[in-house]
Amino acid sequence: MNNFFESDHLEVFLNNHPKSIVFAFLALRYVELGDYDKALAIAEPGIRTHPTYALGHYALGLCYYHTQDYTKAKTHLELSVAYDEKNPRAWRLLSEINYKLDLPLMAIDGNLQ
């Protein structure tokens, strides 16, 4: 049985439905595969189409984290937790970024979530 969440299937679906929220899942797949440029190329326009989609902001924040653009990563992870405060991965990554940006009190606050 084929898995819909494989990158090939997600790409076909997104090409057929360019305004779909599937962009976030595809971007996350490319992050898992280490293809951060491709993930960014998918997540950036996706979040412009869906500016309040928490998982989309998380995916974009993760892309920026892996490309070491911590300021942009922080912005999108903050938006992610603003739209979905129950995302432990986003909180953990946000705490790590705050630590890297030498914002220790914010890092501690994020760990309390």
Protein backbone atom coordinates (compact mmCIF):
# COMPACT_ATOMS: atom_id res chain seq x y z
CA MET A 1 0.00 0.00 0.00
CA ASN A 2 1.31 3.45 -0.89
CA ASN A 3 1.80 5.96 1.88
CA PHE A 4 0.24 9.34 1.10
CA PHE A 5 2.83 11.09 3.26
CA GLU A 6 5.76 10.00 1.09
CA SER A 7 7.33 13.02 -0.57
CA ASP A 8 6.46 11.85 -4.11
CA HIS A 9 2.76 11.59 -3.29
CA LEU A 10 2.75 14.89 -1.42
CA GLU A 11 4.43 16.63 -4.37
CA VAL A 12 1.82 15.33 -6.81
CA PHE A 13 -0.99 16.37 -4.49
CA LEU A 14 0.48 19.84 -3.95
CA ASN A 15 0.99 20.32 -7.69
CA ASN A 16 -2.67 19.43 -8.25
CA HIS A 17 -3.85 21.49 -5.25
CA PRO A 18 -1.37 24.39 -4.92
CA LYS A 19 -3.38 26.14 -2.19
CA SER A 20 -3.48 23.05 0.03
CA ILE A 21 -2.06 22.92 3.54
CA VAL A 22 -0.16 19.82 2.41
CA PHE A 23 2.79 22.18 1.80
CA ALA A 24 3.69 21.91 5.49
CA PHE A 25 3.84 18.12 5.44
CA LEU A 26 5.95 18.15 2.28
CA ALA A 27 8.31 20.76 3.70
CA LEU A 28 8.72 18.66 6.85
CA ARG A 29 9.49 15.59 4.73
CA TYR A 30 12.25 17.51 2.96
CA VAL A 31 13.62 18.67 6.30
CA GLU A 32 13.74 15.01 7.39
CA LEU A 33 15.63 14.23 4.18
CA GLY A 34 18.06 17.11 4.79
CA ASP A 35 16.98 19.07 1.70
CA TYR A 36 16.48 22.41 3.45
CA ASP A 37 16.52 24.53 0.29
CA LYS A 38 13.68 22.52 -1.21
CA ALA A 39 11.81 22.64 2.10
CA LEU A 40 12.15 26.43 2.19
CA ALA A 41 11.03 26.74 -1.42
CA ILE A 42 7.82 24.94 -0.46
CA ALA A 43 7.20 26.40 3.00
CA GLU A 44 7.70 30.09 2.19
CA PRO A 45 4.96 30.40 -0.46
CA GLY A 46 2.77 28.01 1.52
CA ILE A 47 2.79 30.22 4.59
CA ARG A 48 1.99 33.26 2.43
CA THR A 49 -1.14 31.40 1.31
CA HIS A 50 -1.96 30.16 4.85
CA PRO A 51 -0.57 32.82 7.23
CA THR A 52 -2.36 31.44 10.30
CA TYR A 53 -1.48 27.77 9.82
CA ALA A 54 0.47 26.71 12.91
CA LEU A 55 2.08 23.63 11.35
CA GLY A 56 3.16 25.73 8.36
CA HIS A 57 4.94 28.20 10.64
CA TYR A 58 6.51 25.30 12.52
CA ALA A 59 7.78 23.78 9.25
CA LEU A 60 9.17 27.11 8.08
CA GLY A 61 10.75 27.77 11.47
CA LEU A 62 12.38 24.34 11.36
CA CYS A 63 13.74 25.08 7.87
CA TYR A 64 15.26 28.34 9.06
CA TYR A 65 16.65 26.61 12.15
CA HIS A 66 18.49 24.07 10.01
CA THR A 67 19.88 26.81 7.76
CA GLN A 68 21.00 28.63 10.94
CA ASP A 69 18.81 31.68 10.35
CA TYR A 70 17.78 31.73 13.98
CA THR A 71 16.05 35.11 13.89
CA LYS A 72 13.62 34.01 11.16
CA ALA A 73 13.25 30.61 12.84
CA LYS A 74 12.31 32.32 16.10
CA THR A 75 9.72 34.50 14.36
CA HIS A 76 7.96 31.55 12.74
CA LEU A 77 8.14 29.33 15.80
CA GLU A 78 6.62 32.12 17.90
CA LEU A 79 3.79 32.35 15.37
CA SER A 80 3.42 28.58 15.46
CA VAL A 81 2.92 28.51 19.23
CA ALA A 82 0.68 31.59 19.05
CA TYR A 83 -1.68 29.66 16.77
CA ASP A 84 -1.19 26.30 18.55
CA GLU A 85 0.20 26.62 22.05
CA LYS A 86 0.16 22.84 22.54
CA ASN A 87 3.00 22.04 20.15
CA PRO A 88 5.81 20.72 22.38
CA ARG A 89 8.28 20.44 19.50
CA ALA A 90 7.83 24.10 18.63
CA TRP A 91 8.28 25.14 22.27
CA ARG A 92 11.40 23.01 22.65
CA LEU A 93 12.96 24.34 19.46
CA LEU A 94 12.03 27.91 20.39
CA SER A 95 13.78 27.45 23.74
CA GLU A 96 16.87 26.14 22.00
CA ILE A 97 16.90 29.10 19.63
CA ASN A 98 16.47 31.57 22.48
CA TYR A 99 19.48 29.96 24.14
CA LYS A 100 21.51 30.24 20.92
CA LEU A 101 20.49 33.89 20.59
CA ASP A 102 21.66 34.47 24.17
CA LEU A 103 18.15 35.03 25.52
CA PRO A 104 18.37 32.70 28.55
CA LEU A 105 15.24 33.90 30.35
CA MET A 106 13.14 33.32 27.26
CA ALA A 107 14.76 29.90 26.88
CA ILE A 108 13.72 29.02 30.43
CA ASP A 109 10.16 30.28 29.85
CA GLY A 110 9.88 28.12 26.75
CA ASN A 111 10.98 25.05 28.69
CA LEU A 112 8.16 25.64 31.16
CA GLN A 113 5.52 25.18 28.47
